[in-house]
Amino acid sequence: MDDDKGYIVDLTVTICFSMDGERYCVPVDEGLLLMQKEQIPICDAKNFTNFKNFSLSDWYKDKQLDLTQQLSKGAVDLLLQQLGMADFFSKTPCKIKRSPYTPNVRGFHNNCTLTLFKLPDISKYPIACFIPDYCTGIDCCGTLDKLGLSLRTYVYLDTCDYRLFGGIETITFNITLFDYEWGKKEVISVGDGIVRFE
């Protein structure tokens, strides 16, 4: 974008599966173009008023908190409230050291018996993922250690009911593929526009 004030994004989703040695893709082999040269600004003043000139380290200092220590639950609640994100995080946080994310190899608890692809090693990051035995989904949990928060993201393709569903923390989507209007722009907004997916 002009003046380095955002990103230009192209996004194509391809959902394919093999049956009887043949590859089938929905809607086509080329995939579904969700974004083409979509301009995504870094900051939109009307949606990011809580983040204008926000600095986490300044916030710590203002509250007389130690930058090297994890925030208390009360401090995290206050921070999320001030940022307008109190309702975004689940009341029951995911835990990377608990089911379904453990046991894992290289950060993945993979119940899929098919060799889909070589999974990357994510164990060096504070994240773990689960792949179910039916192989058409993924559920990941990442931790934000200093804030004592976790972030769950997931997406599943239900090939029996022909639907795609998923979410990021408390924001969810459920798309029925039978009557889906291909080419329609889907919008998921998190925290009053702090994160916006189109």
N, C-alpha and C. Protein backbone atom coordinates (compact mmCIF):
# COMPACT_ATOMS: atom_id res chain seq x y z
N MET A 1 0.84 -1.18 0.00
CA MET A 1 0.00 0.00 0.00
C MET A 1 0.88 1.24 0.00
N ASP A 2 0.26 2.37 -0.29
CA ASP A 2 0.99 3.62 -0.30
C ASP A 2 1.54 3.93 1.08
N ASP A 3 2.73 4.48 1.13
CA ASP A 3 3.37 4.93 2.36
C ASP A 3 3.56 3.82 3.39
N ASP A 4 3.61 2.55 2.97
CA ASP A 4 3.82 1.43 3.90
C ASP A 4 2.84 1.46 5.06
N LYS A 5 1.57 1.80 4.80
CA LYS A 5 0.58 1.89 5.87
C LYS A 5 -0.36 0.70 5.89
N GLY A 6 0.06 -0.43 5.38
CA GLY A 6 -0.78 -1.61 5.40
C GLY A 6 -0.22 -2.70 4.53
N TYR A 7 -1.07 -3.65 4.20
CA TYR A 7 -0.66 -4.83 3.44
C TYR A 7 -1.59 -5.02 2.26
N ILE A 8 -1.09 -5.64 1.22
CA ILE A 8 -1.91 -6.06 0.09
C ILE A 8 -1.89 -7.58 0.14
N VAL A 9 -3.08 -8.19 0.26
CA VAL A 9 -3.18 -9.62 0.53
C VAL A 9 -3.94 -10.33 -0.58
N ASP A 10 -3.39 -11.47 -1.02
CA ASP A 10 -4.07 -12.41 -1.90
C ASP A 10 -4.29 -13.67 -1.08
N LEU A 11 -5.51 -14.21 -1.07
CA LEU A 11 -5.80 -15.41 -0.29
C LEU A 11 -6.69 -16.34 -1.09
N THR A 12 -6.19 -17.57 -1.29
CA THR A 12 -6.94 -18.60 -1.98
C THR A 12 -7.02 -19.83 -1.08
N VAL A 13 -8.21 -20.41 -0.96
CA VAL A 13 -8.40 -21.61 -0.15
C VAL A 13 -8.73 -22.76 -1.08
N THR A 14 -8.01 -23.87 -0.92
CA THR A 14 -8.27 -25.07 -1.68
C THR A 14 -8.58 -26.19 -0.71
N ILE A 15 -9.71 -26.81 -0.87
CA ILE A 15 -10.11 -27.94 -0.04
C ILE A 15 -10.16 -29.16 -0.95
N CYS A 16 -9.23 -30.09 -0.74
CA CYS A 16 -9.13 -31.26 -1.60
C CYS A 16 -9.10 -32.54 -0.76
N PHE A 17 -9.58 -33.60 -1.35
CA PHE A 17 -9.49 -34.91 -0.71
C PHE A 17 -9.35 -35.96 -1.81
N SER A 18 -8.79 -37.10 -1.44
CA SER A 18 -8.58 -38.18 -2.39
C SER A 18 -9.59 -39.28 -2.14
N MET A 19 -10.10 -39.85 -3.25
CA MET A 19 -11.03 -40.95 -3.15
C MET A 19 -10.81 -41.85 -4.37
N ASP A 20 -10.57 -43.11 -4.09
CA ASP A 20 -10.33 -44.09 -5.16
C ASP A 20 -9.22 -43.64 -6.10
N GLY A 21 -8.18 -43.06 -5.54
CA GLY A 21 -7.03 -42.65 -6.34
C GLY A 21 -7.22 -41.35 -7.10
N GLU A 22 -8.37 -40.73 -6.99
CA GLU A 22 -8.65 -39.47 -7.67
C GLU A 22 -8.64 -38.33 -6.67
N ARG A 23 -8.25 -37.15 -7.12
CA ARG A 23 -8.25 -35.96 -6.27
C ARG A 23 -9.47 -35.12 -6.61
N TYR A 24 -10.23 -34.75 -5.56
CA TYR A 24 -11.41 -33.93 -5.73
C TYR A 24 -11.23 -32.65 -4.92
N CYS A 25 -11.50 -31.53 -5.56
CA CYS A 25 -11.34 -30.24 -4.89
C CYS A 25 -12.65 -29.46 -4.96
N VAL A 26 -12.93 -28.73 -3.90
CA VAL A 26 -14.12 -27.90 -3.82
C VAL A 26 -13.67 -26.46 -3.71
N PRO A 27 -14.10 -25.53 -4.53
CA PRO A 27 -14.98 -25.75 -5.65
C PRO A 27 -14.26 -26.25 -6.90
N VAL A 28 -12.96 -25.92 -7.08
CA VAL A 28 -12.19 -26.39 -8.23
C VAL A 28 -10.74 -26.56 -7.80
N ASP A 29 -9.91 -27.17 -8.65
CA ASP A 29 -8.50 -27.38 -8.32
C ASP A 29 -7.77 -26.08 -8.01
N GLU A 30 -8.17 -24.98 -8.64
CA GLU A 30 -7.49 -23.70 -8.43
C GLU A 30 -7.83 -23.08 -7.08
N GLY A 31 -8.88 -23.58 -6.43
CA GLY A 31 -9.26 -23.07 -5.12
C GLY A 31 -10.24 -21.92 -5.21
N LEU A 32 -10.63 -21.47 -4.05
CA LEU A 32 -11.58 -20.37 -3.93
C LEU A 32 -10.81 -19.11 -3.59
N LEU A 33 -10.86 -18.14 -4.46
CA LEU A 33 -10.17 -16.87 -4.24
C LEU A 33 -10.98 -16.05 -3.26
N LEU A 34 -10.45 -15.88 -2.05
CA LEU A 34 -11.15 -15.10 -1.02
C LEU A 34 -10.72 -13.64 -1.02
N MET A 35 -9.45 -13.40 -1.33
CA MET A 35 -8.95 -12.03 -1.38
C MET A 35 -8.02 -11.89 -2.57
N GLN A 36 -8.15 -10.80 -3.28
CA GLN A 36 -7.24 -10.50 -4.38
C GLN A 36 -6.86 -9.04 -4.30
N LYS A 37 -5.58 -8.82 -4.03
CA LYS A 37 -5.05 -7.46 -3.91
C LYS A 37 -5.88 -6.64 -2.91
N GLU A 38 -6.31 -7.32 -1.84
CA GLU A 38 -7.10 -6.66 -0.79
C GLU A 38 -6.18 -5.78 0.04
N GLN A 39 -6.52 -4.51 0.15
CA GLN A 39 -5.70 -3.58 0.94
C GLN A 39 -6.17 -3.61 2.38
N ILE A 40 -5.27 -4.00 3.27
CA ILE A 40 -5.58 -4.09 4.68
C ILE A 40 -4.70 -3.07 5.41
N PRO A 41 -5.30 -2.03 5.93
CA PRO A 41 -4.51 -1.00 6.60
C PRO A 41 -3.97 -1.49 7.94
N ILE A 42 -2.83 -0.94 8.34
CA ILE A 42 -2.24 -1.28 9.63
C ILE A 42 -3.12 -0.72 10.74
N CYS A 43 -3.62 0.46 10.57
CA CYS A 43 -4.40 1.08 11.64
C CYS A 43 -5.48 1.96 11.04
N ASP A 44 -6.70 1.77 11.52
CA ASP A 44 -7.81 2.59 11.12
C ASP A 44 -8.30 3.31 12.37
N ALA A 45 -8.15 4.60 12.42
CA ALA A 45 -8.41 5.36 13.65
C ALA A 45 -9.80 5.11 14.22
N LYS A 46 -10.82 4.93 13.38
CA LYS A 46 -12.16 4.74 13.92
C LYS A 46 -12.34 3.37 14.57
N ASN A 47 -11.55 2.38 14.17
CA ASN A 47 -11.67 1.05 14.77
C ASN A 47 -10.62 0.78 15.85
N PHE A 48 -9.56 1.54 15.89
CA PHE A 48 -8.45 1.25 16.78
C PHE A 48 -8.24 2.37 17.80
N THR A 49 -9.28 3.03 18.21
CA THR A 49 -9.11 4.15 19.12
C THR A 49 -8.43 3.73 20.42
N ASN A 50 -8.65 2.50 20.86
CA ASN A 50 -8.00 2.03 22.08
C ASN A 50 -6.51 1.79 21.90
N PHE A 51 -6.05 1.66 20.67
CA PHE A 51 -4.65 1.36 20.42
C PHE A 51 -3.85 2.58 19.97
N LYS A 52 -4.49 3.70 19.80
CA LYS A 52 -3.77 4.88 19.37
C LYS A 52 -2.75 5.25 20.44
N ASN A 53 -1.51 5.24 20.05
CA ASN A 53 -0.39 5.55 20.95
C ASN A 53 -0.31 4.61 22.15
N PHE A 54 -0.85 3.40 22.03
CA PHE A 54 -0.79 2.45 23.13
C PHE A 54 0.56 1.75 23.15
N SER A 55 1.14 1.64 24.31
CA SER A 55 2.39 0.92 24.50
C SER A 55 2.22 0.03 25.72
N LEU A 56 2.45 -1.27 25.54
CA LEU A 56 2.31 -2.20 26.66
C LEU A 56 3.33 -1.90 27.75
N SER A 57 4.56 -1.58 27.36
CA SER A 57 5.58 -1.27 28.38
C SER A 57 5.21 0.01 29.15
N ASP A 58 4.65 1.02 28.46
CA ASP A 58 4.20 2.23 29.17
C ASP A 58 3.03 1.90 30.10
N TRP A 59 2.15 1.00 29.65
CA TRP A 59 1.02 0.60 30.48
C TRP A 59 1.53 -0.07 31.77
N TYR A 60 2.52 -0.96 31.62
CA TYR A 60 3.14 -1.61 32.78
C TYR A 60 3.70 -0.56 33.74
N LYS A 61 4.44 0.39 33.19
CA LYS A 61 5.06 1.42 34.05
C LYS A 61 4.00 2.27 34.74
N ASP A 62 2.95 2.64 33.99
CA ASP A 62 1.89 3.46 34.55
C ASP A 62 1.19 2.76 35.71
N LYS A 63 1.09 1.44 35.62
CA LYS A 63 0.43 0.66 36.67
C LYS A 63 1.43 0.16 37.72
N GLN A 64 2.70 0.60 37.58
CA GLN A 64 3.79 0.23 38.50
C GLN A 64 3.95 -1.29 38.57
N LEU A 65 3.97 -1.91 37.40
CA LEU A 65 4.14 -3.36 37.30
C LEU A 65 5.53 -3.68 36.77
N ASP A 66 6.03 -4.84 37.11
CA ASP A 66 7.35 -5.29 36.70
C ASP A 66 7.26 -5.94 35.32
N LEU A 67 7.99 -5.38 34.34
CA LEU A 67 7.97 -5.90 32.97
C LEU A 67 8.46 -7.33 32.87
N THR A 68 9.26 -7.78 33.83
CA THR A 68 9.83 -9.13 33.75
C THR A 68 8.90 -10.19 34.35
N GLN A 69 7.82 -9.76 34.98
CA GLN A 69 6.91 -10.69 35.64
C GLN A 69 5.61 -10.85 34.85
N GLN A 70 5.00 -12.02 34.99
CA GLN A 70 3.70 -12.26 34.38
C GLN A 70 2.65 -11.43 35.12
N LEU A 71 1.72 -10.89 34.37
CA LEU A 71 0.64 -10.10 34.96
C LEU A 71 -0.28 -10.96 35.81
N SER A 72 -0.82 -10.39 36.86
CA SER A 72 -1.83 -11.07 37.67
C SER A 72 -3.13 -11.11 36.87
N LYS A 73 -4.05 -11.98 37.27
CA LYS A 73 -5.32 -12.09 36.58
C LYS A 73 -6.08 -10.76 36.60
N GLY A 74 -6.04 -10.07 37.73
CA GLY A 74 -6.72 -8.77 37.83
C GLY A 74 -6.14 -7.75 36.87
N ALA A 75 -4.81 -7.73 36.73
CA ALA A 75 -4.16 -6.79 35.82
C ALA A 75 -4.49 -7.13 34.37
N VAL A 76 -4.53 -8.43 34.03
CA VAL A 76 -4.89 -8.85 32.67
C VAL A 76 -6.33 -8.44 32.38
N ASP A 77 -7.24 -8.65 33.33
CA ASP A 77 -8.64 -8.26 33.15
C ASP A 77 -8.75 -6.76 32.90
N LEU A 78 -8.00 -5.97 33.65
CA LEU A 78 -8.02 -4.52 33.47
C LEU A 78 -7.49 -4.13 32.09
N LEU A 79 -6.38 -4.73 31.68
CA LEU A 79 -5.80 -4.45 30.37
C LEU A 79 -6.79 -4.78 29.25
N LEU A 80 -7.39 -5.96 29.31
CA LEU A 80 -8.34 -6.36 28.27
C LEU A 80 -9.56 -5.46 28.24
N GLN A 81 -10.01 -5.04 29.42
CA GLN A 81 -11.15 -4.12 29.51
C GLN A 81 -10.81 -2.79 28.85
N GLN A 82 -9.60 -2.27 29.14
CA GLN A 82 -9.19 -0.98 28.57
C GLN A 82 -9.00 -1.06 27.06
N LEU A 83 -8.64 -2.24 26.56
CA LEU A 83 -8.44 -2.42 25.12
C LEU A 83 -9.72 -2.83 24.40
N GLY A 84 -10.80 -3.03 25.15
CA GLY A 84 -12.05 -3.43 24.52
C GLY A 84 -12.06 -4.88 24.07
N MET A 85 -11.24 -5.72 24.69
CA MET A 85 -11.13 -7.11 24.28
C MET A 85 -11.54 -8.09 25.38
N ALA A 86 -12.25 -7.61 26.39
CA ALA A 86 -12.60 -8.46 27.53
C ALA A 86 -13.46 -9.66 27.12
N ASP A 87 -14.33 -9.49 26.13
CA ASP A 87 -15.22 -10.57 25.72
C ASP A 87 -14.62 -11.46 24.64
N PHE A 88 -13.45 -11.11 24.14
CA PHE A 88 -12.83 -11.88 23.07
C PHE A 88 -12.24 -13.20 23.55
N PHE A 89 -11.55 -13.19 24.68
CA PHE A 89 -10.89 -14.40 25.17
C PHE A 89 -11.88 -15.30 25.89
N SER A 90 -11.77 -16.59 25.65
CA SER A 90 -12.65 -17.58 26.26
C SER A 90 -12.47 -17.61 27.77
N LYS A 91 -13.57 -17.83 28.47
CA LYS A 91 -13.51 -17.94 29.94
C LYS A 91 -12.81 -19.23 30.36
N THR A 92 -12.78 -20.22 29.47
CA THR A 92 -12.06 -21.47 29.72
C THR A 92 -10.90 -21.54 28.73
N PRO A 93 -9.73 -21.05 29.12
CA PRO A 93 -8.62 -20.98 28.17
C PRO A 93 -8.07 -22.36 27.80
N CYS A 94 -7.56 -22.46 26.59
CA CYS A 94 -6.88 -23.68 26.18
C CYS A 94 -5.54 -23.76 26.90
N LYS A 95 -5.01 -24.96 27.03
CA LYS A 95 -3.72 -25.18 27.70
C LYS A 95 -2.90 -26.11 26.83
N ILE A 96 -1.73 -25.65 26.39
CA ILE A 96 -0.92 -26.46 25.48
C ILE A 96 -0.36 -27.72 26.14
N LYS A 97 -0.37 -27.78 27.44
CA LYS A 97 0.14 -28.96 28.16
C LYS A 97 -0.98 -29.94 28.52
N ARG A 98 -2.20 -29.70 28.00
CA ARG A 98 -3.34 -30.58 28.30
C ARG A 98 -3.99 -31.06 27.00
N SER A 99 -4.90 -32.02 27.17
CA SER A 99 -5.65 -32.56 26.04
C SER A 99 -6.48 -31.44 25.40
N PRO A 100 -6.62 -31.40 24.11
CA PRO A 100 -6.22 -32.40 23.13
C PRO A 100 -4.82 -32.17 22.55
N TYR A 101 -4.05 -31.26 23.12
CA TYR A 101 -2.77 -30.87 22.52
C TYR A 101 -1.60 -31.76 22.95
N THR A 102 -1.83 -32.63 23.92
CA THR A 102 -0.79 -33.57 24.36
C THR A 102 -1.35 -34.98 24.30
N PRO A 103 -0.49 -35.99 24.16
CA PRO A 103 0.94 -35.84 23.89
C PRO A 103 1.16 -35.33 22.48
N ASN A 104 2.32 -34.74 22.24
CA ASN A 104 2.58 -34.25 20.89
C ASN A 104 4.02 -34.51 20.48
N VAL A 105 4.23 -34.52 19.18
CA VAL A 105 5.55 -34.67 18.59
C VAL A 105 5.78 -33.44 17.73
N ARG A 106 6.84 -32.72 18.04
CA ARG A 106 7.19 -31.50 17.31
C ARG A 106 6.07 -30.46 17.39
N GLY A 107 5.26 -30.53 18.47
CA GLY A 107 4.20 -29.56 18.68
C GLY A 107 2.84 -29.99 18.18
N PHE A 108 2.75 -31.17 17.53
CA PHE A 108 1.49 -31.65 16.97
C PHE A 108 1.05 -32.94 17.65
N HIS A 109 -0.19 -32.97 18.12
CA HIS A 109 -0.83 -34.21 18.55
C HIS A 109 -1.67 -34.63 17.35
N ASN A 110 -1.11 -35.53 16.56
CA ASN A 110 -1.68 -35.89 15.28
C ASN A 110 -2.36 -37.25 15.36
N ASN A 111 -3.68 -37.27 15.37
CA ASN A 111 -4.43 -38.52 15.38
C ASN A 111 -4.77 -39.00 13.98
N CYS A 112 -4.40 -38.25 12.97
CA CYS A 112 -4.68 -38.62 11.59
C CYS A 112 -3.73 -39.74 11.17
N THR A 113 -4.29 -40.84 10.68
CA THR A 113 -3.46 -41.97 10.27
C THR A 113 -2.92 -41.81 8.85
N LEU A 114 -3.42 -40.83 8.13
CA LEU A 114 -2.94 -40.57 6.78
C LEU A 114 -1.71 -39.68 6.83
N THR A 115 -0.82 -39.86 5.88
CA THR A 115 0.32 -38.95 5.78
C THR A 115 -0.11 -37.81 4.88
N LEU A 116 -0.57 -36.74 5.51
CA LEU A 116 -1.06 -35.60 4.74
C LEU A 116 0.08 -34.80 4.14
N PHE A 117 1.04 -34.49 4.97
CA PHE A 117 2.18 -33.69 4.57
C PHE A 117 3.16 -33.70 5.73
N LYS A 118 4.35 -33.23 5.50
CA LYS A 118 5.33 -33.17 6.58
C LYS A 118 5.00 -31.96 7.45
N LEU A 119 4.67 -32.23 8.68
CA LEU A 119 4.32 -31.16 9.59
C LEU A 119 5.57 -30.42 10.05
N PRO A 120 5.52 -29.11 10.16
CA PRO A 120 6.70 -28.36 10.61
C PRO A 120 6.93 -28.57 12.10
N ASP A 121 8.11 -28.28 12.55
CA ASP A 121 8.44 -28.37 13.97
C ASP A 121 8.06 -27.04 14.62
N ILE A 122 6.98 -27.05 15.40
CA ILE A 122 6.54 -25.83 16.08
C ILE A 122 6.82 -25.89 17.57
N SER A 123 7.54 -26.94 18.00
CA SER A 123 7.77 -27.14 19.43
C SER A 123 8.63 -26.05 20.06
N LYS A 124 9.37 -25.31 19.27
CA LYS A 124 10.21 -24.24 19.82
C LYS A 124 9.40 -22.97 20.12
N TYR A 125 8.14 -22.96 19.72
CA TYR A 125 7.26 -21.83 19.97
C TYR A 125 6.24 -22.19 21.06
N PRO A 126 5.64 -21.21 21.70
CA PRO A 126 4.63 -21.52 22.72
C PRO A 126 3.28 -21.83 22.09
N ILE A 127 3.25 -22.90 21.29
CA ILE A 127 2.04 -23.30 20.58
C ILE A 127 2.03 -24.82 20.45
N ALA A 128 0.83 -25.39 20.43
CA ALA A 128 0.65 -26.81 20.16
C ALA A 128 -0.64 -26.97 19.38
N CYS A 129 -0.69 -27.99 18.52
CA CYS A 129 -1.86 -28.20 17.67
C CYS A 129 -2.34 -29.64 17.73
N PHE A 130 -3.62 -29.82 17.46
CA PHE A 130 -4.25 -31.13 17.44
C PHE A 130 -4.89 -31.34 16.08
N ILE A 131 -4.63 -32.52 15.48
CA ILE A 131 -5.26 -32.92 14.22
C ILE A 131 -6.08 -34.17 14.53
N PRO A 132 -7.42 -34.12 14.30
CA PRO A 132 -8.27 -35.26 14.66
C PRO A 132 -8.08 -36.45 13.72
N ASP A 133 -8.64 -37.60 14.12
CA ASP A 133 -8.47 -38.83 13.34
C ASP A 133 -9.12 -38.77 11.97
N TYR A 134 -10.08 -37.88 11.76
CA TYR A 134 -10.70 -37.77 10.44
C TYR A 134 -9.93 -36.81 9.53
N CYS A 135 -8.89 -36.19 10.02
CA CYS A 135 -7.85 -35.51 9.23
C CYS A 135 -8.23 -34.20 8.57
N THR A 136 -9.45 -33.73 8.69
CA THR A 136 -9.85 -32.52 7.96
C THR A 136 -10.08 -31.34 8.90
N GLY A 137 -9.20 -31.22 9.86
CA GLY A 137 -9.30 -30.09 10.77
C GLY A 137 -8.02 -29.91 11.55
N ILE A 138 -7.92 -28.76 12.18
CA ILE A 138 -6.78 -28.48 13.05
C ILE A 138 -7.24 -27.51 14.14
N ASP A 139 -6.72 -27.74 15.34
CA ASP A 139 -7.07 -26.93 16.51
C ASP A 139 -5.75 -26.58 17.19
N CYS A 140 -5.45 -25.30 17.30
CA CYS A 140 -4.17 -24.87 17.87
C CYS A 140 -4.38 -23.97 19.08
N CYS A 141 -3.44 -24.07 20.00
CA CYS A 141 -3.45 -23.25 21.20
C CYS A 141 -2.07 -22.62 21.34
N GLY A 142 -2.05 -21.32 21.47
CA GLY A 142 -0.79 -20.60 21.69
C GLY A 142 -0.87 -19.83 22.99
N THR A 143 0.25 -19.63 23.63
CA THR A 143 0.25 -18.89 24.90
C THR A 143 0.97 -17.56 24.75
N LEU A 144 0.44 -16.57 25.44
CA LEU A 144 1.05 -15.25 25.54
C LEU A 144 1.54 -15.17 26.98
N ASP A 145 2.75 -15.70 27.21
CA ASP A 145 3.25 -15.93 28.57
C ASP A 145 3.21 -14.71 29.47
N LYS A 146 3.71 -13.58 29.03
CA LYS A 146 3.78 -12.39 29.89
C LYS A 146 2.40 -11.91 30.33
N LEU A 147 1.39 -12.19 29.49
CA LEU A 147 0.04 -11.78 29.82
C LEU A 147 -0.75 -12.89 30.50
N GLY A 148 -0.19 -14.09 30.52
CA GLY A 148 -0.91 -15.21 31.13
C GLY A 148 -2.17 -15.57 30.36
N LEU A 149 -2.15 -15.34 29.06
CA LEU A 149 -3.31 -15.62 28.22
C LEU A 149 -2.97 -16.71 27.21
N SER A 150 -4.00 -17.37 26.73
CA SER A 150 -3.82 -18.31 25.64
C SER A 150 -4.75 -17.90 24.51
N LEU A 151 -4.43 -18.35 23.31
CA LEU A 151 -5.20 -18.00 22.12
C LEU A 151 -5.48 -19.28 21.36
N ARG A 152 -6.77 -19.63 21.23
CA ARG A 152 -7.16 -20.85 20.51
C ARG A 152 -7.70 -20.48 19.14
N THR A 153 -7.19 -21.16 18.12
CA THR A 153 -7.69 -21.01 16.76
C THR A 153 -7.98 -22.40 16.21
N TYR A 154 -9.02 -22.52 15.43
CA TYR A 154 -9.36 -23.84 14.89
C TYR A 154 -10.17 -23.70 13.62
N VAL A 155 -10.06 -24.72 12.77
CA VAL A 155 -10.87 -24.80 11.56
C VAL A 155 -11.07 -26.29 11.24
N TYR A 156 -12.31 -26.64 10.90
CA TYR A 156 -12.65 -28.02 10.58
C TYR A 156 -13.52 -28.05 9.33
N LEU A 157 -13.27 -29.05 8.50
CA LEU A 157 -14.10 -29.30 7.33
C LEU A 157 -14.88 -30.57 7.62
N ASP A 158 -16.20 -30.46 7.70
CA ASP A 158 -17.08 -31.59 7.94
C ASP A 158 -17.55 -32.08 6.58
N THR A 159 -16.94 -33.18 6.10
CA THR A 159 -17.24 -33.68 4.75
C THR A 159 -18.55 -34.46 4.70
N CYS A 160 -19.10 -34.83 5.86
CA CYS A 160 -20.39 -35.51 5.88
C CYS A 160 -21.53 -34.51 5.76
N ASP A 161 -21.44 -33.42 6.48
CA ASP A 161 -22.49 -32.40 6.46
C ASP A 161 -22.15 -31.23 5.54
N TYR A 162 -21.02 -31.29 4.85
CA TYR A 162 -20.59 -30.26 3.91
C TYR A 162 -20.61 -28.87 4.53
N ARG A 163 -19.83 -28.72 5.58
CA ARG A 163 -19.72 -27.41 6.21
C ARG A 163 -18.29 -27.18 6.68
N LEU A 164 -17.94 -25.94 6.74
CA LEU A 164 -16.64 -25.49 7.21
C LEU A 164 -16.91 -24.63 8.43
N PHE A 165 -16.27 -24.97 9.56
CA PHE A 165 -16.48 -24.16 10.76
C PHE A 165 -15.17 -23.99 11.50
N GLY A 166 -15.11 -22.95 12.28
CA GLY A 166 -13.90 -22.68 13.04
C GLY A 166 -14.06 -21.43 13.86
N GLY A 167 -12.93 -20.94 14.36
CA GLY A 167 -12.99 -19.74 15.16
C GLY A 167 -11.64 -19.33 15.72
N ILE A 168 -11.66 -18.16 16.31
CA ILE A 168 -10.52 -17.61 17.05
C ILE A 168 -11.10 -17.19 18.39
N GLU A 169 -10.75 -17.95 19.42
CA GLU A 169 -11.31 -17.71 20.76
C GLU A 169 -12.84 -17.71 20.70
N THR A 170 -13.51 -16.63 21.08
CA THR A 170 -14.98 -16.63 21.14
C THR A 170 -15.63 -16.25 19.81
N ILE A 171 -14.86 -15.88 18.82
CA ILE A 171 -15.40 -15.51 17.52
C ILE A 171 -15.43 -16.77 16.65
N THR A 172 -16.62 -17.17 16.20
CA THR A 172 -16.74 -18.40 15.44
C THR A 172 -17.41 -18.15 14.10
N PHE A 173 -17.23 -19.11 13.20
CA PHE A 173 -17.94 -19.09 11.93
C PHE A 173 -18.38 -20.50 11.60
N ASN A 174 -19.44 -20.62 10.83
CA ASN A 174 -19.98 -21.89 10.40
C ASN A 174 -20.56 -21.69 9.01
N ILE A 175 -19.93 -22.27 8.01
CA ILE A 175 -20.32 -22.06 6.62
C ILE A 175 -20.83 -23.38 6.06
N THR A 176 -22.08 -23.38 5.60
CA THR A 176 -22.65 -24.55 4.93
C THR A 176 -22.23 -24.48 3.47
N LEU A 177 -21.59 -25.53 2.99
CA LEU A 177 -21.05 -25.51 1.63
C LEU A 177 -22.11 -25.79 0.56
N PHE A 178 -23.24 -26.40 0.95
CA PHE A 178 -24.30 -26.66 -0.03
C PHE A 178 -24.86 -25.38 -0.61
N ASP A 179 -25.21 -24.45 0.26
CA ASP A 179 -25.85 -23.22 -0.22
C ASP A 179 -24.94 -22.01 -0.10
N TYR A 180 -23.64 -22.26 0.01
CA TYR A 180 -22.70 -21.15 0.14
C TYR A 180 -22.64 -20.37 -1.17
N GLU A 181 -22.65 -19.07 -1.07
CA GLU A 181 -22.55 -18.20 -2.24
C GLU A 181 -21.07 -17.98 -2.54
N TRP A 182 -20.54 -18.81 -3.45
CA TRP A 182 -19.11 -18.75 -3.78
C TRP A 182 -18.77 -17.37 -4.32
N GLY A 183 -17.67 -16.83 -3.84
CA GLY A 183 -17.23 -15.51 -4.24
C GLY A 183 -17.71 -14.43 -3.29
N LYS A 184 -18.62 -14.78 -2.38
CA LYS A 184 -19.13 -13.82 -1.39
C LYS A 184 -18.03 -13.52 -0.37
N LYS A 185 -17.90 -12.26 -0.01
CA LYS A 185 -16.89 -11.86 0.96
C LYS A 185 -17.42 -12.09 2.37
N GLU A 186 -16.69 -12.87 3.16
CA GLU A 186 -17.04 -13.13 4.56
C GLU A 186 -16.22 -12.19 5.44
N VAL A 187 -16.82 -11.66 6.48
CA VAL A 187 -16.13 -10.74 7.38
C VAL A 187 -16.26 -11.26 8.80
N ILE A 188 -15.13 -11.42 9.47
CA ILE A 188 -15.09 -11.77 10.89
C ILE A 188 -14.31 -10.67 11.58
N SER A 189 -14.94 -10.01 12.54
CA SER A 189 -14.30 -8.90 13.23
C SER A 189 -14.08 -9.27 14.69
N VAL A 190 -12.91 -8.97 15.19
CA VAL A 190 -12.53 -9.30 16.56
C VAL A 190 -12.20 -8.01 17.30
N GLY A 191 -12.75 -7.86 18.49
CA GLY A 191 -12.41 -6.72 19.34
C GLY A 191 -12.68 -5.38 18.71
N ASP A 192 -13.90 -5.17 18.24
CA ASP A 192 -14.29 -3.90 17.61
C ASP A 192 -13.36 -3.49 16.48
N GLY A 193 -12.94 -4.47 15.69
CA GLY A 193 -12.12 -4.18 14.51
C GLY A 193 -10.62 -4.25 14.75
N ILE A 194 -10.18 -4.66 15.94
CA ILE A 194 -8.74 -4.77 16.18
C ILE A 194 -8.15 -5.78 15.22
N VAL A 195 -8.83 -6.90 15.03
CA VAL A 195 -8.46 -7.88 14.01
C VAL A 195 -9.70 -8.07 13.15
N ARG A 196 -9.53 -7.96 11.87
CA ARG A 196 -10.66 -8.07 10.95
C ARG A 196 -10.26 -8.97 9.80
N PHE A 197 -11.04 -10.02 9.57
CA PHE A 197 -10.80 -10.94 8.47
C PHE A 197 -11.89 -10.73 7.44
N GLU A 198 -11.49 -10.63 6.18
CA GLU A 198 -12.46 -10.52 5.09
C GLU A 198 -12.18 -11.57 4.07
